């Protein structure tokens, strides 16, 4: 059974940092593209960042220079380092690998 377990969300003040983690079981991130997505209340889900198998990364313009996607192959875990957080980053964040999705983790940034 494939499971992706996201964690690391929470409440942080504007300007703060959080690191989201997504640990996989029954599935290897090494073999698939990975991504982080978010959905704010009343808004559609958007792609925050993706990383191809070859290491090419993509970031939505609103997070460029603040967020970093990475992968730890040994731990079979992907991360999203989020710095200089803004209230508009508040959302439920989801990780994905290949066609599999993790459950969301709430990120709330207070002003």
Protein backbone atom coordinates (compact mmCIF):
# COMPACT_ATOMS: atom_id res chain seq x y z
CA UNK A 1 0.00 0.00 0.00
CA UNK A 2 1.35 3.40 -0.97
CA UNK A 3 1.22 6.09 1.67
CA UNK A 4 2.51 9.62 1.59
CA UNK A 5 2.51 11.26 5.01
CA UNK A 6 2.83 15.03 5.07
CA UNK A 7 3.79 16.89 8.22
CA UNK A 8 5.36 20.09 9.45
CA UNK A 9 2.51 22.53 9.07
CA UNK A 10 1.49 24.90 11.80
CA UNK A 11 0.93 28.49 12.83
CA UNK A 12 3.74 30.94 12.22
CA UNK A 13 4.09 34.70 12.21
CA UNK A 14 4.67 36.60 9.01
CA UNK A 15 8.35 36.42 8.10
CA UNK A 16 8.81 33.08 9.80
CA UNK A 17 9.80 29.72 8.41
CA UNK A 18 8.44 26.21 8.27
CA UNK A 19 9.69 23.01 6.73
CA UNK A 20 7.14 20.60 5.38
CA UNK A 21 8.03 16.93 5.09
CA UNK A 22 6.44 14.18 3.06
CA UNK A 23 7.52 10.64 3.90
CA UNK A 24 6.59 7.81 1.59
CA UNK A 25 6.06 4.13 2.16
CA UNK A 26 5.43 1.52 -0.51
CA UNK A 27 6.67 4.03 -3.03
CA UNK A 28 10.02 5.51 -4.03
CA UNK A 29 10.32 9.21 -4.69
CA UNK A 30 13.48 8.44 -6.64
CA UNK A 31 11.43 7.04 -9.49
CA UNK A 32 8.92 9.85 -9.86
CA UNK A 33 8.47 13.54 -10.17
CA UNK A 34 7.49 15.15 -6.89
CA UNK A 35 5.50 18.21 -6.04
CA UNK A 36 3.92 20.40 -3.44
CA UNK A 37 0.51 21.96 -3.94
CA UNK A 38 -1.70 24.17 -1.83
CA UNK A 39 -5.30 25.15 -1.54
CA UNK A 40 -6.49 28.22 0.29
CA UNK A 41 -10.12 28.62 1.41
CA UNK A 42 -12.33 29.53 -1.52
CA UNK A 43 -9.51 29.08 -4.02
CA UNK A 44 -8.48 26.38 -6.43
CA UNK A 45 -5.55 24.11 -5.70
CA UNK A 46 -2.34 25.50 -7.13
CA UNK A 47 1.07 24.06 -7.83
CA UNK A 48 3.64 25.49 -5.45
CA UNK A 49 6.73 23.62 -6.55
CA UNK A 50 7.72 20.55 -8.53
CA UNK A 51 10.89 18.62 -9.07
CA UNK A 52 11.45 16.23 -11.96
CA UNK A 53 13.33 12.96 -11.65
CA UNK A 54 16.26 14.69 -13.28
CA UNK A 55 16.30 17.45 -10.69
CA UNK A 56 14.72 20.28 -12.64
CA UNK A 57 12.66 22.43 -10.32
CA UNK A 58 9.68 24.70 -10.81
CA UNK A 59 8.27 27.31 -8.44
CA UNK A 60 5.17 29.40 -8.77
CA UNK A 61 6.18 33.04 -9.06
CA UNK A 62 4.73 33.98 -5.67
CA UNK A 63 7.17 31.71 -3.80
CA UNK A 64 10.33 32.06 -5.88
CA UNK A 65 13.29 32.91 -3.74
CA UNK A 66 11.44 31.93 -0.55
CA UNK A 67 10.60 28.24 -0.92
CA UNK A 68 12.90 25.33 -1.74
CA UNK A 69 11.89 21.82 -2.71
CA UNK A 70 14.27 18.98 -1.97
CA UNK A 71 14.45 15.23 -1.67
CA UNK A 72 16.31 12.94 0.71
CA UNK A 73 16.65 9.65 -1.13
CA UNK A 74 17.95 7.77 1.87
CA UNK A 75 14.91 8.76 3.92
CA UNK A 76 12.52 8.57 0.96
CA UNK A 77 11.24 11.96 2.03
CA UNK A 78 10.63 15.20 0.21
CA UNK A 79 10.71 18.60 1.81
CA UNK A 80 9.46 22.08 1.21
CA UNK A 81 11.49 24.68 3.06
CA UNK A 82 9.40 27.80 3.37
CA UNK A 83 11.05 31.04 4.43
CA UNK A 84 9.82 34.61 4.70
CA UNK A 85 6.28 33.37 4.99
CA UNK A 86 3.43 35.72 4.21
CA UNK A 87 -0.23 35.61 5.22
CA UNK A 88 -1.11 34.81 1.62
CA UNK A 89 0.82 31.55 1.99
CA UNK A 90 -1.88 30.33 4.33
CA UNK A 91 -3.37 27.15 2.88
CA UNK A 92 -3.55 23.42 3.16
CA UNK A 93 -0.41 22.02 1.59
CA UNK A 94 -0.31 18.66 -0.16
CA UNK A 95 2.59 16.58 -1.38
CA UNK A 96 2.47 14.33 -4.39
CA UNK A 97 4.72 11.82 -6.08
CA UNK A 98 3.85 10.33 -9.42
CA UNK A 99 0.10 9.81 -9.23
CA UNK A 100 -0.01 9.51 -5.45
CA UNK A 101 -1.11 12.20 -3.04
CA UNK A 102 -0.54 12.72 0.63
CA UNK A 103 -3.02 14.15 3.05
CA UNK A 104 -2.86 17.88 3.57
CA UNK A 105 -1.06 19.78 6.28
CA UNK A 106 -2.33 23.18 7.36
CA UNK A 107 -0.05 26.19 7.18
CA UNK A 108 -1.32 29.37 8.76
CA UNK A 109 0.68 32.59 8.62
CA UNK A 110 -0.45 35.37 10.90
CA UNK A 111 0.12 39.01 10.03
